[in-house]
N, C-alpha and C. Protein backbone atom coordinates (compact mmCIF):
# COMPACT_ATOMS: atom_id res chain seq x y z
N MET A 1 55.90 116.46 38.55
CA MET A 1 56.89 115.69 37.83
C MET A 1 56.18 114.97 36.69
N SER A 2 56.75 115.03 35.51
CA SER A 2 56.11 114.43 34.35
C SER A 2 56.40 112.94 34.28
N TYR A 3 55.64 112.24 33.43
CA TYR A 3 55.84 110.81 33.21
C TYR A 3 57.26 110.55 32.74
N ARG A 4 57.79 111.43 31.89
CA ARG A 4 59.13 111.23 31.36
C ARG A 4 60.17 111.21 32.49
N SER A 5 60.01 112.08 33.51
CA SER A 5 60.98 112.11 34.60
C SER A 5 60.92 110.84 35.45
N TRP A 6 59.77 110.17 35.49
CA TRP A 6 59.68 108.91 36.24
C TRP A 6 60.55 107.84 35.58
N ARG A 7 60.73 107.96 34.29
CA ARG A 7 61.55 106.97 33.60
C ARG A 7 63.03 107.29 33.72
N ASN A 8 63.36 108.45 34.24
CA ASN A 8 64.74 108.89 34.41
C ASN A 8 65.25 108.39 35.77
N PRO A 9 66.27 107.52 35.80
CA PRO A 9 66.76 107.00 37.08
C PRO A 9 67.19 108.10 38.04
N GLY A 10 67.76 109.20 37.52
CA GLY A 10 68.17 110.30 38.40
C GLY A 10 66.99 110.93 39.10
N ALA A 11 65.87 111.06 38.41
CA ALA A 11 64.67 111.63 39.02
C ALA A 11 64.12 110.71 40.10
N VAL A 12 64.21 109.41 39.88
CA VAL A 12 63.73 108.46 40.89
C VAL A 12 64.58 108.56 42.14
N VAL A 13 65.90 108.68 41.98
CA VAL A 13 66.78 108.84 43.14
C VAL A 13 66.46 110.14 43.86
N LEU A 14 66.30 111.24 43.12
CA LEU A 14 65.96 112.52 43.72
C LEU A 14 64.64 112.43 44.48
N LEU A 15 63.66 111.78 43.90
CA LEU A 15 62.37 111.62 44.57
C LEU A 15 62.55 110.85 45.88
N GLY A 16 63.36 109.81 45.85
CA GLY A 16 63.61 109.05 47.08
C GLY A 16 64.24 109.90 48.15
N VAL A 17 65.18 110.76 47.77
CA VAL A 17 65.81 111.66 48.73
C VAL A 17 64.80 112.66 49.27
N LEU A 18 63.97 113.22 48.40
CA LEU A 18 62.97 114.17 48.85
C LEU A 18 61.95 113.52 49.78
N MET A 19 61.55 112.30 49.49
CA MET A 19 60.57 111.61 50.34
C MET A 19 61.17 111.29 51.70
N ALA A 20 62.46 111.11 51.76
CA ALA A 20 63.12 110.82 53.03
C ALA A 20 63.49 112.11 53.76
N GLY A 21 63.00 113.22 53.28
CA GLY A 21 63.26 114.48 53.95
C GLY A 21 64.68 114.99 53.71
N GLY A 22 65.29 114.56 52.61
CA GLY A 22 66.62 115.04 52.30
C GLY A 22 67.72 114.18 52.91
N LEU A 23 67.36 113.14 53.62
CA LEU A 23 68.35 112.27 54.25
C LEU A 23 68.14 110.84 53.81
N ALA A 24 69.22 110.12 53.63
CA ALA A 24 69.10 108.70 53.34
C ALA A 24 68.72 107.97 54.62
N ALA A 25 68.01 106.87 54.48
CA ALA A 25 67.66 106.06 55.65
C ALA A 25 68.94 105.57 56.31
N GLN A 26 68.94 105.53 57.64
CA GLN A 26 70.13 105.15 58.39
C GLN A 26 70.31 103.64 58.38
N ARG A 27 71.55 103.21 58.28
CA ARG A 27 71.89 101.80 58.32
C ARG A 27 72.93 101.59 59.42
N PRO A 28 73.02 100.38 59.97
CA PRO A 28 74.04 100.13 60.99
C PRO A 28 75.44 100.44 60.46
N ALA A 29 76.32 100.83 61.37
CA ALA A 29 77.72 101.05 61.01
C ALA A 29 78.31 99.74 60.50
N ALA A 30 79.50 99.82 59.91
CA ALA A 30 80.19 98.61 59.48
C ALA A 30 80.30 97.67 60.68
N PRO A 31 80.39 96.36 60.46
CA PRO A 31 80.44 95.43 61.59
C PRO A 31 81.47 95.85 62.64
N ALA A 32 81.03 95.90 63.88
CA ALA A 32 81.89 96.31 65.00
C ALA A 32 82.58 95.09 65.60
N THR A 33 83.72 95.34 66.20
CA THR A 33 84.49 94.28 66.87
C THR A 33 84.39 94.46 68.38
N LEU A 34 84.80 93.44 69.12
CA LEU A 34 84.86 93.55 70.58
C LEU A 34 85.80 94.68 70.99
N ALA A 35 86.92 94.82 70.29
CA ALA A 35 87.87 95.88 70.62
C ALA A 35 87.21 97.25 70.47
N GLN A 36 86.44 97.45 69.43
CA GLN A 36 85.73 98.73 69.24
C GLN A 36 84.69 98.94 70.33
N PHE A 37 83.97 97.88 70.68
CA PHE A 37 82.95 98.01 71.72
C PHE A 37 83.61 98.37 73.06
N ARG A 38 84.76 97.77 73.36
CA ARG A 38 85.46 98.07 74.62
C ARG A 38 85.87 99.53 74.71
N GLU A 39 86.05 100.19 73.57
CA GLU A 39 86.40 101.60 73.58
C GLU A 39 85.29 102.47 74.16
N LEU A 40 84.09 101.91 74.30
CA LEU A 40 82.98 102.65 74.91
C LEU A 40 83.03 102.62 76.43
N ARG A 41 84.09 102.07 77.01
CA ARG A 41 84.21 102.02 78.48
C ARG A 41 84.15 103.40 79.12
N TRP A 42 84.41 104.45 78.35
CA TRP A 42 84.33 105.80 78.91
C TRP A 42 82.93 106.11 79.42
N LEU A 43 81.93 105.35 78.99
CA LEU A 43 80.56 105.53 79.49
C LEU A 43 80.40 105.01 80.91
N SER A 44 81.27 104.08 81.33
CA SER A 44 81.14 103.45 82.65
C SER A 44 81.23 104.49 83.76
N GLY A 45 80.30 104.39 84.70
CA GLY A 45 80.31 105.28 85.85
C GLY A 45 78.92 105.82 86.15
N THR A 46 78.87 106.71 87.11
CA THR A 46 77.62 107.38 87.49
C THR A 46 77.70 108.83 87.00
N TRP A 47 76.57 109.33 86.50
CA TRP A 47 76.56 110.60 85.81
C TRP A 47 75.37 111.47 86.22
N ARG A 48 75.62 112.77 86.27
CA ARG A 48 74.56 113.76 86.45
C ARG A 48 74.41 114.47 85.11
N GLY A 49 73.23 114.40 84.55
CA GLY A 49 72.96 115.05 83.29
C GLY A 49 72.15 116.30 83.49
N SER A 50 72.33 117.26 82.59
CA SER A 50 71.52 118.47 82.60
C SER A 50 71.45 119.02 81.19
N GLY A 51 70.40 119.79 80.95
CA GLY A 51 70.20 120.39 79.63
C GLY A 51 68.78 120.18 79.18
N GLY A 52 68.42 120.81 78.07
CA GLY A 52 67.05 120.70 77.59
C GLY A 52 66.09 121.19 78.66
N ALA A 53 65.07 120.42 78.94
CA ALA A 53 64.07 120.79 79.94
C ALA A 53 64.39 120.25 81.33
N TYR A 54 65.60 119.68 81.50
CA TYR A 54 65.93 119.01 82.75
C TYR A 54 67.06 119.72 83.48
N PRO A 55 66.79 120.21 84.70
CA PRO A 55 67.87 120.81 85.47
C PRO A 55 68.89 119.74 85.91
N ALA A 56 68.39 118.52 86.16
CA ALA A 56 69.29 117.43 86.55
C ALA A 56 68.59 116.09 86.40
N PHE A 57 69.34 115.09 85.96
CA PHE A 57 68.88 113.70 85.97
C PHE A 57 70.12 112.84 86.19
N PHE A 58 69.90 111.59 86.59
CA PHE A 58 71.00 110.76 87.06
C PHE A 58 70.98 109.40 86.39
N GLU A 59 72.15 108.98 85.88
CA GLU A 59 72.27 107.70 85.18
C GLU A 59 73.56 107.00 85.58
N GLU A 60 73.52 105.69 85.41
CA GLU A 60 74.71 104.86 85.65
C GLU A 60 74.88 103.94 84.45
N TYR A 61 76.11 103.79 84.00
CA TYR A 61 76.47 102.87 82.92
C TYR A 61 77.49 101.90 83.48
N ARG A 62 77.22 100.61 83.32
CA ARG A 62 78.11 99.59 83.89
C ARG A 62 78.38 98.51 82.86
N MET A 63 79.66 98.19 82.64
CA MET A 63 80.04 97.08 81.76
C MET A 63 79.64 95.78 82.48
N VAL A 64 78.74 95.04 81.88
CA VAL A 64 78.29 93.77 82.46
C VAL A 64 79.22 92.65 82.02
N ASN A 65 79.63 92.69 80.76
CA ASN A 65 80.61 91.75 80.22
C ASN A 65 81.27 92.42 79.02
N ASP A 66 82.03 91.68 78.25
CA ASP A 66 82.79 92.30 77.17
C ASP A 66 81.94 92.83 76.02
N SER A 67 80.64 92.51 76.00
CA SER A 67 79.80 92.96 74.89
C SER A 67 78.48 93.58 75.34
N THR A 68 78.37 93.93 76.62
CA THR A 68 77.11 94.46 77.15
C THR A 68 77.36 95.54 78.18
N ILE A 69 76.65 96.66 78.03
CA ILE A 69 76.64 97.74 79.01
C ILE A 69 75.21 97.90 79.51
N LEU A 70 75.04 97.97 80.81
CA LEU A 70 73.73 98.21 81.41
C LEU A 70 73.63 99.68 81.78
N MET A 71 72.55 100.34 81.33
CA MET A 71 72.26 101.72 81.72
C MET A 71 71.08 101.70 82.67
N ARG A 72 71.22 102.42 83.76
CA ARG A 72 70.11 102.61 84.69
C ARG A 72 69.91 104.09 84.93
N ALA A 73 68.66 104.53 84.90
CA ALA A 73 68.30 105.90 85.24
C ALA A 73 67.76 105.88 86.67
N TYR A 74 68.07 106.93 87.42
CA TYR A 74 67.67 107.00 88.83
C TYR A 74 66.81 108.23 89.09
N ALA A 75 66.01 108.13 90.14
CA ALA A 75 65.09 109.20 90.49
C ALA A 75 65.82 110.46 90.98
N ASP A 76 66.98 110.27 91.63
CA ASP A 76 67.70 111.43 92.19
C ASP A 76 69.16 111.08 92.43
N SER A 77 69.86 111.99 93.07
CA SER A 77 71.31 111.86 93.27
C SER A 77 71.72 110.79 94.28
N THR A 78 70.76 110.16 94.94
CA THR A 78 71.11 109.08 95.87
C THR A 78 71.41 107.78 95.12
N PHE A 79 71.01 107.71 93.87
CA PHE A 79 71.19 106.52 93.03
C PHE A 79 70.61 105.27 93.70
N ARG A 80 69.43 105.42 94.30
CA ARG A 80 68.78 104.28 94.96
C ARG A 80 67.57 103.76 94.20
N ALA A 81 66.72 104.65 93.70
CA ALA A 81 65.47 104.24 93.05
C ALA A 81 65.64 104.26 91.52
N VAL A 82 65.67 103.07 90.91
CA VAL A 82 65.80 102.96 89.47
C VAL A 82 64.47 103.31 88.81
N THR A 83 64.52 104.21 87.81
CA THR A 83 63.30 104.61 87.12
C THR A 83 63.23 104.08 85.69
N ASP A 84 64.37 103.64 85.14
CA ASP A 84 64.41 103.15 83.77
C ASP A 84 65.72 102.39 83.59
N SER A 85 65.75 101.54 82.58
CA SER A 85 67.00 100.85 82.26
C SER A 85 67.01 100.46 80.79
N SER A 86 68.20 100.23 80.28
CA SER A 86 68.36 99.75 78.91
C SER A 86 69.70 99.06 78.79
N TRP A 87 69.90 98.40 77.68
CA TRP A 87 71.14 97.67 77.41
C TRP A 87 71.77 98.24 76.15
N ILE A 88 73.08 98.39 76.18
CA ILE A 88 73.85 98.71 74.98
C ILE A 88 74.64 97.44 74.70
N GLU A 89 74.44 96.86 73.53
CA GLU A 89 74.98 95.53 73.26
C GLU A 89 75.70 95.45 71.93
N LEU A 90 76.69 94.57 71.88
CA LEU A 90 77.31 94.18 70.62
C LEU A 90 76.87 92.75 70.36
N ARG A 91 76.10 92.56 69.28
CA ARG A 91 75.62 91.23 68.90
C ARG A 91 75.79 91.08 67.39
N LYS A 92 76.51 90.06 66.99
CA LYS A 92 76.72 89.77 65.56
C LYS A 92 77.24 90.98 64.79
N GLY A 93 78.15 91.71 65.41
CA GLY A 93 78.78 92.85 64.76
C GLY A 93 77.98 94.14 64.78
N ILE A 94 76.81 94.14 65.43
CA ILE A 94 75.96 95.34 65.48
C ILE A 94 75.87 95.84 66.92
N VAL A 95 76.19 97.12 67.12
CA VAL A 95 76.02 97.76 68.42
C VAL A 95 74.61 98.35 68.42
N SER A 96 73.84 98.02 69.45
CA SER A 96 72.47 98.51 69.51
C SER A 96 72.08 98.81 70.95
N THR A 97 70.99 99.55 71.10
CA THR A 97 70.38 99.78 72.40
C THR A 97 69.09 98.98 72.45
N ARG A 98 68.78 98.47 73.61
CA ARG A 98 67.55 97.69 73.79
C ARG A 98 66.88 98.18 75.06
N SER A 99 65.63 98.60 74.93
CA SER A 99 64.85 99.07 76.07
C SER A 99 63.37 98.86 75.75
N GLU A 100 62.50 99.38 76.62
CA GLU A 100 61.07 99.27 76.35
C GLU A 100 60.67 100.16 75.18
N ARG A 101 61.48 101.20 74.94
CA ARG A 101 61.22 102.05 73.77
C ARG A 101 61.79 101.36 72.54
N ALA A 102 61.68 101.99 71.41
CA ALA A 102 62.17 101.42 70.16
C ALA A 102 63.69 101.23 70.21
N PRO A 103 64.17 100.08 69.75
CA PRO A 103 65.62 99.86 69.73
C PRO A 103 66.28 100.74 68.66
N SER A 104 67.56 101.01 68.87
CA SER A 104 68.34 101.80 67.93
C SER A 104 69.63 101.07 67.63
N VAL A 105 70.21 101.35 66.47
CA VAL A 105 71.49 100.74 66.10
C VAL A 105 72.53 101.84 65.89
N ALA A 106 73.79 101.49 66.15
CA ALA A 106 74.88 102.44 65.93
C ALA A 106 75.11 102.60 64.44
N ILE A 107 75.05 103.83 63.98
CA ILE A 107 75.33 104.11 62.57
C ILE A 107 76.71 104.76 62.42
N GLU A 108 77.30 105.19 63.53
CA GLU A 108 78.68 105.68 63.58
C GLU A 108 79.28 105.17 64.88
N LEU A 109 80.53 104.76 64.83
CA LEU A 109 81.20 104.26 66.02
C LEU A 109 82.68 104.60 65.94
N SER A 110 83.15 105.34 66.94
CA SER A 110 84.57 105.67 67.03
C SER A 110 84.93 105.66 68.51
N PRO A 111 86.22 105.77 68.86
CA PRO A 111 86.60 105.71 70.27
C PRO A 111 85.93 106.76 71.15
N ASP A 112 85.60 107.93 70.60
CA ASP A 112 85.05 109.02 71.40
C ASP A 112 83.62 109.39 71.05
N ARG A 113 82.98 108.60 70.19
CA ARG A 113 81.64 108.99 69.73
C ARG A 113 80.89 107.77 69.22
N VAL A 114 79.60 107.75 69.53
CA VAL A 114 78.72 106.74 68.95
C VAL A 114 77.39 107.42 68.62
N ARG A 115 76.91 107.20 67.41
CA ARG A 115 75.61 107.77 67.00
C ARG A 115 74.64 106.62 66.76
N PHE A 116 73.46 106.75 67.34
CA PHE A 116 72.41 105.74 67.22
C PHE A 116 71.23 106.31 66.44
N ALA A 117 70.56 105.45 65.70
CA ALA A 117 69.33 105.81 65.00
C ALA A 117 68.45 104.57 64.94
N ARG A 118 67.15 104.79 64.83
CA ARG A 118 66.25 103.66 64.61
C ARG A 118 66.57 103.11 63.24
N GLU A 119 66.76 101.82 63.14
CA GLU A 119 67.14 101.22 61.88
C GLU A 119 66.10 101.54 60.81
N GLY A 120 66.59 102.01 59.66
CA GLY A 120 65.71 102.35 58.56
C GLY A 120 65.11 103.73 58.65
N SER A 121 65.35 104.44 59.75
CA SER A 121 64.78 105.78 59.92
C SER A 121 65.70 106.82 59.30
N ALA A 122 65.12 107.83 58.73
CA ALA A 122 65.90 108.89 58.10
C ALA A 122 66.16 110.06 59.05
N ARG A 123 65.48 110.13 60.18
CA ARG A 123 65.62 111.27 61.09
C ARG A 123 65.67 110.79 62.53
N GLY A 124 66.08 111.72 63.39
CA GLY A 124 66.09 111.46 64.82
C GLY A 124 67.34 110.72 65.25
N GLY A 125 67.23 110.06 66.37
CA GLY A 125 68.36 109.36 66.94
C GLY A 125 69.11 110.24 67.93
N PHE A 126 70.27 109.74 68.35
CA PHE A 126 71.06 110.46 69.33
C PHE A 126 72.53 110.11 69.18
N THR A 127 73.38 111.02 69.67
CA THR A 127 74.83 110.84 69.61
C THR A 127 75.42 111.07 70.99
N TRP A 128 76.30 110.15 71.41
CA TRP A 128 77.06 110.32 72.63
C TRP A 128 78.49 110.66 72.23
N SER A 129 79.04 111.75 72.78
CA SER A 129 80.39 112.19 72.44
C SER A 129 81.18 112.47 73.72
N ARG A 130 82.34 111.82 73.83
CA ARG A 130 83.21 112.04 75.00
C ARG A 130 83.85 113.42 74.89
N VAL A 131 83.79 114.17 75.98
CA VAL A 131 84.44 115.47 76.08
C VAL A 131 85.76 115.31 76.83
N SER A 132 85.72 114.58 77.95
CA SER A 132 86.89 114.32 78.78
C SER A 132 86.61 113.05 79.58
N ALA A 133 87.51 112.70 80.47
CA ALA A 133 87.30 111.52 81.31
C ALA A 133 86.10 111.68 82.23
N ASP A 134 85.72 112.92 82.50
CA ASP A 134 84.64 113.18 83.44
C ASP A 134 83.43 113.87 82.83
N GLN A 135 83.39 114.00 81.49
CA GLN A 135 82.24 114.64 80.84
C GLN A 135 82.02 114.04 79.46
N TRP A 136 80.74 113.98 79.08
CA TRP A 136 80.35 113.64 77.72
C TRP A 136 79.03 114.31 77.42
N THR A 137 78.68 114.37 76.15
CA THR A 137 77.41 114.97 75.78
C THR A 137 76.51 113.93 75.12
N ALA A 138 75.24 114.09 75.33
CA ALA A 138 74.21 113.30 74.65
C ALA A 138 73.40 114.29 73.82
N THR A 139 73.44 114.13 72.52
CA THR A 139 72.73 115.03 71.62
C THR A 139 71.55 114.29 71.00
N LEU A 140 70.36 114.80 71.20
CA LEU A 140 69.16 114.24 70.59
C LEU A 140 68.92 114.96 69.26
N HIS A 141 68.83 114.20 68.19
CA HIS A 141 68.64 114.78 66.87
C HIS A 141 67.14 114.86 66.57
N PRO A 142 66.69 115.94 65.94
CA PRO A 142 65.26 116.14 65.73
C PRO A 142 64.66 115.11 64.76
N VAL A 143 63.42 114.78 65.02
CA VAL A 143 62.67 113.87 64.16
C VAL A 143 61.98 114.65 63.05
N THR A 144 61.60 115.87 63.34
CA THR A 144 60.88 116.68 62.35
C THR A 144 61.83 117.62 61.61
N PRO A 145 61.54 117.89 60.36
CA PRO A 145 62.38 118.82 59.59
C PRO A 145 62.41 120.18 60.27
N GLY A 146 63.59 120.76 60.36
CA GLY A 146 63.73 122.08 60.97
C GLY A 146 63.73 122.07 62.48
N GLY A 147 63.59 120.89 63.10
CA GLY A 147 63.61 120.80 64.55
C GLY A 147 65.00 121.07 65.10
N ALA A 148 65.06 121.46 66.34
CA ALA A 148 66.34 121.78 66.97
C ALA A 148 66.90 120.57 67.71
N GLU A 149 68.22 120.44 67.69
CA GLU A 149 68.87 119.41 68.50
C GLU A 149 68.81 119.82 69.96
N THR A 150 68.79 118.83 70.84
CA THR A 150 68.87 119.07 72.28
C THR A 150 70.14 118.41 72.77
N VAL A 151 70.96 119.18 73.51
CA VAL A 151 72.23 118.66 74.01
C VAL A 151 72.17 118.59 75.53
N TYR A 152 72.53 117.43 76.04
CA TYR A 152 72.63 117.21 77.49
C TYR A 152 74.09 117.03 77.84
N LEU A 153 74.54 117.68 78.89
CA LEU A 153 75.90 117.52 79.39
C LEU A 153 75.88 116.51 80.53
N MET A 154 76.71 115.49 80.42
CA MET A 154 76.81 114.46 81.44
C MET A 154 78.12 114.66 82.19
N ARG A 155 78.02 114.83 83.52
CA ARG A 155 79.21 115.02 84.38
C ARG A 155 79.30 113.86 85.35
N ARG A 156 80.52 113.33 85.48
CA ARG A 156 80.76 112.19 86.37
C ARG A 156 80.44 112.59 87.82
N VAL A 157 79.78 111.65 88.52
CA VAL A 157 79.48 111.82 89.94
C VAL A 157 80.36 110.83 90.69
N ARG A 158 81.18 111.36 91.57
CA ARG A 158 82.04 110.48 92.41
C ARG A 158 81.23 110.05 93.62
N ARG A 159 81.14 108.74 93.81
CA ARG A 159 80.38 108.22 94.97
C ARG A 159 81.28 107.42 95.86
């Protein structure tokens, strides 16, 4: 790129897009309301997940209060030994996940879908999409260019 193109605002924008791998950095969705957060109640319950490299894994999502969901991962189908946990929270209009790993913020939020990404990150993240009252999918988006998405199917477990 020549010196002249650096002075061209269009070239600077194009360079920014190229440096971000063709994607704009992710920002939180528009401020969320309690009513919108309550629409995520479809996550509540116990679930058996499968897909990717996992024949089966087990999770529970529980509404703790009007703005907090607790997720617990379990070692097996007995749902006795907790192996991991995280929080999905609405705080100051931002829906986010909080765990020992890097936190993520919702960049899309609708009654049947929520997409999370690390704030300021141009790649990766994950999307939860409701299929029915007893199924939803968790899609992991690739961090590297050309990487493949991984989709996990979550099926409700009646206990």
